[in-house]
Structure formats: structure tokens, C-alpha cells
Amino acid sequence: MLELDDIQHFLIARPPALAARYEFLSFRHAEGGRTWLAGMLAKVGSAQAVGSSQLDSRWVTVGFTWNGLKALGVDDVSLATFPEEFRQGMAARANILGTTGANHPDHWTGGLANPDLHAIVVLFARDVAERERCRREHQEYLSRRAGAEVLSSMDLEALPPFDYPHEHFGYHDRLSQPVIDGTGVEPAPGSGPAIKAGEFFLGYPDEEGEFSGLHSQRSYRATAVTWPMFVWKSTSVRFAIFCGNTARRKSSKS
């Protein structure tokens, strides 16, 4: 069974939010980072609280880079238990990920290739007005703590229609929110079986029955998940043309 009280809500279910703000943070020193985190914990909702009416506690998510955990003062023994891909970071793996040429980390904006990128906080909200309230509240919170600063930020808004899950091009979307085994959620018809928790959370068995690190580190076990994040520019018209051309090619071969 999943320890839902030790997993952030965002990793289990979609928040019913139509707006959000991503803030990318750097810690000047370990004490400052830990002080910032200590004040945020009460606002970070767990998967067990999904369905709660507490807006703030349910819709705040935090994440850390490996450098961020190191900056917080996590000991070397624990840091060494994380997967190599996470320890290297996405910028160091540019050739493997295909982020080359114009997409090379040298061109990444907002300090996202900076080794001083230590954390992300995601502020979800029902609408833009609520998002702005959350932004001001977090800004004021940071102003009283000298150990953490915002490197960059990004505001987001959902695109209609709002009556079914979909990605930003309008296609029905199950890839970004698959059903995870152990959550008690039944997969929708045609979406395939639930996926083993170890494919998402470190310390649980994956589809091959293996454990992906941290299974001996209880303090990080259920809360640990690697969350790759890209910020990119996309053109919906070109994407639709690409999908259409690909479908036609596949159809002609069948």
C-alpha cells in the first residue's frame, strides 16, 4: 500500500485549478533554505488529503534538485542513494535528452540550467485572482526570510474546454496523469492497467519488480520521486500538422 500521508497530492491527482505559478528558488545557505521549507510544510497537502476543502494546503507543491538537497544540508550518504540521473541533473544530460543546438542548456532561460537552482514551488489556484493572492503571500513570506530567493517564475492558465482532462493542444490526456497502482483509483476503459508505484516513487517495486534506490532510506522513501521538467515554446498549428502527417503515413503503411 502507498503511504499517502507521505506523498504530495500533485503526484496522485490533478488539482481542480485553472491557474498556477511556478517559482524557481535558490538557497543562499542551508539554514535559510530549511527555514523557508519549515514554514511551507503546513501548506503542502498530502495525497491522503485529496478531496479536502482546504485550498492552500491542498494546492501547494514543492520539489528539489539534487543540488538543492545538498544545499539544505542533506548528508552525503543519503545523497548518494539517489539515482545517477537525478544526481547529474538535466543540464548535464543534454546530449542524452536531445536538448542540443537551439535547445542546449546554454539557451535555457530563468536560471534553469544554473547549478544554484535548488527548488521549485508550485502555487495552484482556482483562477488568476487567487493565483495573484498566493503570489503576493509567498512574496511577502520570502521577504521575511533572507536565505531563499526566486531565480525566475512562470505563470500558467488552463485552456478551455474545462469539462474533461486534456493537454494544452486540446487532446484527451491520460499520459500526464496515469493511474498508479495502490491509489485505489480504477483505470478508465481503454487506458490500460494501473502502473506500479515504483515507476514514479522511489522505494516501491516497479513494473519489473525492482526497487529504484532509497528503499533503505525511510526518511526519503515515499516522498522521493524524480520529476523532470522542461519549459518549451510550442506551436499548436504545427503540432496538429505533424500529427496529421504522421497519422496519414501510418495509415498508408497499414
Protein backbone atom coordinates (compact mmCIF):
# COMPACT_ATOMS: atom_id res chain seq x y z
CA MET A 1 0.00 0.00 0.00
CA LEU A 2 1.12 3.53 -0.71
CA GLU A 3 1.85 5.78 2.25
CA LEU A 4 -0.49 8.52 1.04
CA ASP A 5 0.20 10.71 4.05
CA ASP A 6 3.83 10.94 2.90
CA ILE A 7 3.25 11.69 -0.79
CA GLN A 8 2.38 15.12 -2.17
CA HIS A 9 -1.12 15.47 -3.59
CA PHE A 10 0.07 16.67 -7.00
CA LEU A 11 1.74 13.32 -7.62
CA ILE A 12 -1.54 11.44 -7.25
CA ALA A 13 -4.35 13.63 -8.61
CA ARG A 14 -5.00 16.73 -10.67
CA PRO A 15 -5.83 19.76 -8.55
CA PRO A 16 -9.03 21.46 -9.82
CA ALA A 17 -7.02 24.54 -10.69
CA LEU A 18 -7.36 26.87 -13.68
CA ALA A 19 -4.23 28.89 -12.89
CA ALA A 20 -0.82 28.29 -11.39
CA ARG A 21 2.53 29.88 -10.74
CA TYR A 22 5.90 28.12 -10.83
CA GLU A 23 8.65 29.78 -8.81
CA PHE A 24 12.24 28.53 -9.11
CA LEU A 25 14.27 29.11 -5.97
CA SER A 26 17.86 29.26 -4.78
CA PHE A 27 19.04 28.92 -1.19
CA ARG A 28 21.82 31.26 -0.05
CA HIS A 29 22.70 28.93 2.82
CA ALA A 30 21.39 25.72 4.39
CA GLU A 31 19.76 27.39 7.39
CA GLY A 32 17.86 29.81 5.17
CA GLY A 33 16.60 27.01 2.95
CA ARG A 34 15.48 24.91 5.89
CA THR A 35 13.73 27.90 7.46
CA TRP A 36 11.84 28.55 4.21
CA LEU A 37 10.86 24.88 3.95
CA ALA A 38 9.75 24.65 7.58
CA GLY A 39 7.26 27.45 7.01
CA MET A 40 5.95 25.87 3.79
CA LEU A 41 5.30 22.36 5.08
CA ALA A 42 1.91 23.17 6.58
CA LYS A 43 0.72 24.36 3.15
CA VAL A 44 1.87 21.29 1.23
CA GLY A 45 -1.04 18.87 1.06
CA SER A 46 -0.59 15.12 1.07
CA ALA A 47 -2.22 12.59 -1.23
CA GLN A 48 -4.25 11.47 1.76
CA ALA A 49 -5.85 14.92 1.87
CA VAL A 50 -7.07 14.83 -1.75
CA GLY A 51 -10.69 15.93 -1.61
CA SER A 52 -10.08 18.35 1.25
CA SER A 53 -11.68 21.80 1.12
CA GLN A 54 -8.50 23.44 2.43
CA LEU A 55 -7.37 25.41 -0.61
CA ASP A 56 -3.84 26.41 0.36
CA SER A 57 -2.81 23.14 2.00
CA ARG A 58 -4.14 21.16 -0.91
CA TRP A 59 -2.67 23.12 -3.80
CA VAL A 60 0.94 23.89 -2.91
CA THR A 61 3.66 21.58 -4.23
CA VAL A 62 7.42 21.73 -3.63
CA GLY A 63 10.30 19.91 -5.28
CA PHE A 64 14.10 19.94 -5.05
CA THR A 65 17.04 19.36 -7.32
CA TRP A 66 19.89 17.19 -6.11
CA ASN A 67 21.93 20.36 -5.64
CA GLY A 68 19.01 21.73 -3.65
CA LEU A 69 19.02 18.78 -1.27
CA LYS A 70 22.76 19.24 -0.88
CA ALA A 71 22.27 22.95 -0.21
CA LEU A 72 19.74 22.09 2.51
CA GLY A 73 22.39 20.04 4.28
CA VAL A 74 21.28 16.50 3.41
CA ASP A 75 24.17 14.18 4.32
CA ASP A 76 26.41 12.65 1.66
CA VAL A 77 25.36 9.08 2.45
CA SER A 78 21.71 9.88 1.73
CA LEU A 79 22.55 11.98 -1.33
CA ALA A 80 24.47 9.05 -2.82
CA THR A 81 21.37 6.80 -2.72
CA PHE A 82 19.50 8.84 -5.33
CA PRO A 83 19.57 7.64 -8.96
CA GLU A 84 22.51 8.80 -11.04
CA GLU A 85 20.22 10.62 -13.49
CA PHE A 86 18.85 12.79 -10.68
CA ARG A 87 22.28 13.47 -9.25
CA GLN A 88 23.62 14.59 -12.63
CA GLY A 89 20.72 16.90 -13.38
CA MET A 90 19.07 17.59 -16.72
CA ALA A 91 21.59 20.16 -17.97
CA ALA A 92 24.45 17.66 -17.64
CA ARG A 93 22.41 15.10 -19.58
CA ALA A 94 21.61 17.39 -22.51
CA ASN A 95 23.03 15.06 -25.17
CA ILE A 96 21.09 12.10 -23.81
CA LEU A 97 17.86 14.09 -23.57
CA GLY A 98 18.31 15.61 -27.04
CA THR A 99 18.40 19.19 -25.78
CA THR A 100 21.09 20.29 -28.20
CA GLY A 101 21.56 23.13 -30.66
CA ALA A 102 18.98 25.86 -30.04
CA ASN A 103 17.65 23.78 -27.13
CA HIS A 104 21.03 23.45 -25.40
CA PRO A 105 21.13 24.38 -21.69
CA ASP A 106 23.21 27.43 -22.65
CA HIS A 107 19.97 28.85 -24.06
CA TRP A 108 17.70 27.90 -21.16
CA THR A 109 16.11 30.92 -19.56
CA GLY A 110 15.22 31.72 -15.98
CA GLY A 111 18.32 30.15 -14.47
CA LEU A 112 17.01 26.63 -15.12
CA ALA A 113 20.47 25.37 -16.12
CA ASN A 114 22.09 27.10 -13.16
CA PRO A 115 23.54 24.75 -10.51
CA ASP A 116 22.14 27.21 -7.97
CA LEU A 117 18.62 26.17 -8.96
CA HIS A 118 17.66 24.40 -5.75
CA ALA A 119 13.87 24.13 -5.56
CA ILE A 120 10.53 24.76 -7.20
CA VAL A 121 7.30 25.75 -5.51
CA VAL A 122 4.06 25.41 -7.48
CA LEU A 123 1.14 27.55 -6.40
CA PHE A 124 -2.13 26.22 -7.85
CA ALA A 125 -5.29 28.32 -7.76
CA ARG A 126 -8.91 28.24 -8.89
CA ASP A 127 -8.42 31.36 -11.01
CA VAL A 128 -5.96 34.16 -11.79
CA ALA A 129 -7.17 36.33 -8.92
CA GLU A 130 -6.49 33.54 -6.41
CA ARG A 131 -3.12 32.85 -8.01
CA GLU A 132 -2.16 36.50 -7.56
CA ARG A 133 -3.17 36.32 -3.91
CA CYS A 134 -0.95 33.27 -3.46
CA ARG A 135 1.91 35.01 -5.28
CA ARG A 136 1.71 38.05 -3.02
CA GLU A 137 1.53 35.87 0.08
CA HIS A 138 4.60 33.86 -0.91
CA GLN A 139 6.46 37.02 -1.92
CA GLU A 140 5.78 38.52 1.49
CA TYR A 141 6.84 35.25 3.14
CA LEU A 142 10.16 35.27 1.26
CA SER A 143 10.81 38.92 2.16
CA ARG A 144 10.97 37.87 5.81
CA ARG A 145 13.49 35.09 5.13
CA ALA A 146 16.86 36.13 3.80
CA GLY A 147 18.04 32.62 2.98
CA ALA A 148 15.86 31.93 -0.07
CA GLU A 149 15.30 33.89 -3.28
CA VAL A 150 13.38 33.50 -6.53
CA LEU A 151 15.55 32.97 -9.61
CA SER A 152 12.62 33.15 -12.02
CA SER A 153 8.91 32.39 -12.25
CA MET A 154 6.27 31.37 -14.74
CA ASP A 155 2.51 31.97 -14.66
CA LEU A 156 0.12 29.49 -16.25
CA GLU A 157 -3.57 29.40 -17.11
CA ALA A 158 -5.69 26.46 -18.22
CA LEU A 159 -7.19 26.48 -21.71
CA PRO A 160 -10.85 25.60 -22.35
CA PRO A 161 -12.80 23.38 -22.52
CA PHE A 162 -12.78 22.68 -18.79
CA ASP A 163 -15.22 19.75 -18.63
CA TYR A 164 -12.67 16.98 -19.31
CA PRO A 165 -8.91 16.43 -18.76
CA HIS A 166 -6.81 17.45 -21.74
CA GLU A 167 -3.37 18.77 -22.59
CA HIS A 168 -2.74 22.24 -23.98
CA PHE A 169 -3.39 21.25 -27.59
CA GLY A 170 -6.88 20.04 -26.67
CA TYR A 171 -6.31 16.30 -26.91
CA HIS A 172 -7.72 14.00 -24.23
CA ASP A 173 -4.81 13.45 -21.87
CA ARG A 174 -4.03 10.37 -19.80
CA LEU A 175 -0.26 10.34 -20.34
CA SER A 176 0.44 13.08 -17.79
CA GLN A 177 -1.87 11.57 -15.17
CA PRO A 178 -1.79 7.77 -15.42
CA VAL A 179 -3.42 5.65 -12.76
CA ILE A 180 -0.89 4.47 -10.16
CA ASP A 181 -1.26 1.09 -8.50
CA GLY A 182 -2.11 1.42 -4.82
CA THR A 183 -4.10 4.65 -5.05
CA GLY A 184 -7.47 2.92 -5.18
CA VAL A 185 -8.34 4.60 -8.49
CA GLU A 186 -9.71 2.34 -11.24
CA PRO A 187 -8.26 2.91 -14.73
CA ALA A 188 -10.71 4.28 -17.29
CA PRO A 189 -11.75 1.88 -20.09
CA GLY A 190 -9.08 1.76 -22.77
CA SER A 191 -6.35 3.39 -20.68
CA GLY A 192 -4.60 0.16 -19.74
CA PRO A 193 -3.85 -1.28 -16.28
CA ALA A 194 -2.63 0.76 -13.32
CA ILE A 195 1.13 1.32 -13.35
CA LYS A 196 3.30 0.07 -10.50
CA ALA A 197 4.18 2.74 -7.95
CA GLY A 198 7.93 2.18 -8.35
CA GLU A 199 7.78 3.75 -11.81
CA PHE A 200 7.04 7.05 -10.03
CA PHE A 201 8.09 6.77 -6.38
CA LEU A 202 11.47 5.62 -5.17
CA GLY A 203 11.38 2.79 -2.66
CA TYR A 204 8.46 0.90 -4.21
CA PRO A 205 8.60 -2.01 -6.71
CA ASP A 206 8.39 -1.02 -10.39
CA GLU A 207 6.90 -2.92 -13.34
CA GLU A 208 9.82 -5.37 -13.25
CA GLY A 209 9.55 -5.92 -9.51
CA GLU A 210 12.73 -3.95 -8.82
CA PHE A 211 13.25 -1.21 -6.25
CA SER A 212 14.70 2.05 -7.54
CA GLY A 213 17.00 3.17 -4.74
CA LEU A 214 16.19 4.69 -1.37
CA HIS A 215 14.40 1.58 -0.12
CA SER A 216 16.68 1.65 2.92
CA GLN A 217 16.27 5.39 3.46
CA ARG A 218 12.97 5.64 5.32
CA SER A 219 13.16 9.42 5.72
CA TYR A 220 13.12 9.97 1.95
CA ARG A 221 11.44 6.80 0.72
CA ALA A 222 7.82 7.56 -0.05
CA THR A 223 8.32 11.25 -0.64
CA ALA A 224 11.03 10.75 -3.24
CA VAL A 225 10.09 10.97 -6.88
CA THR A 226 12.08 12.20 -9.84
CA TRP A 227 10.13 14.88 -11.69
CA PRO A 228 11.71 16.01 -14.97
CA MET A 229 10.59 19.45 -16.06
CA PHE A 230 11.03 21.18 -19.39
CA VAL A 231 9.92 24.68 -20.32
CA TRP A 232 9.47 24.96 -24.07
CA LYS A 233 7.76 27.01 -26.72
CA SER A 234 5.30 25.17 -28.92
CA THR A 235 3.10 25.96 -31.89
CA SER A 236 -0.27 24.23 -31.85
CA VAL A 237 -0.82 24.55 -35.61
CA ARG A 238 2.50 22.92 -36.46
CA PHE A 239 1.86 20.21 -33.91
CA ALA A 240 -1.56 19.47 -35.42
CA ILE A 241 0.01 19.28 -38.90
CA PHE A 242 2.70 16.94 -37.57
CA CYS A 243 0.05 14.65 -36.01
CA GLY A 244 -1.97 14.65 -39.21
CA ASN A 245 1.03 13.82 -41.39
CA THR A 246 2.14 11.07 -39.03
CA ALA A 247 -1.34 9.54 -38.97
CA ARG A 248 -1.52 9.54 -42.76
CA ARG A 249 1.89 7.88 -43.08
CA LYS A 250 0.92 5.16 -40.62
CA SER A 251 -2.44 4.69 -42.35
CA SER A 252 -0.80 4.26 -45.76
CA LYS A 253 1.50 1.53 -44.37
CA SER A 254 -1.31 -0.49 -42.79
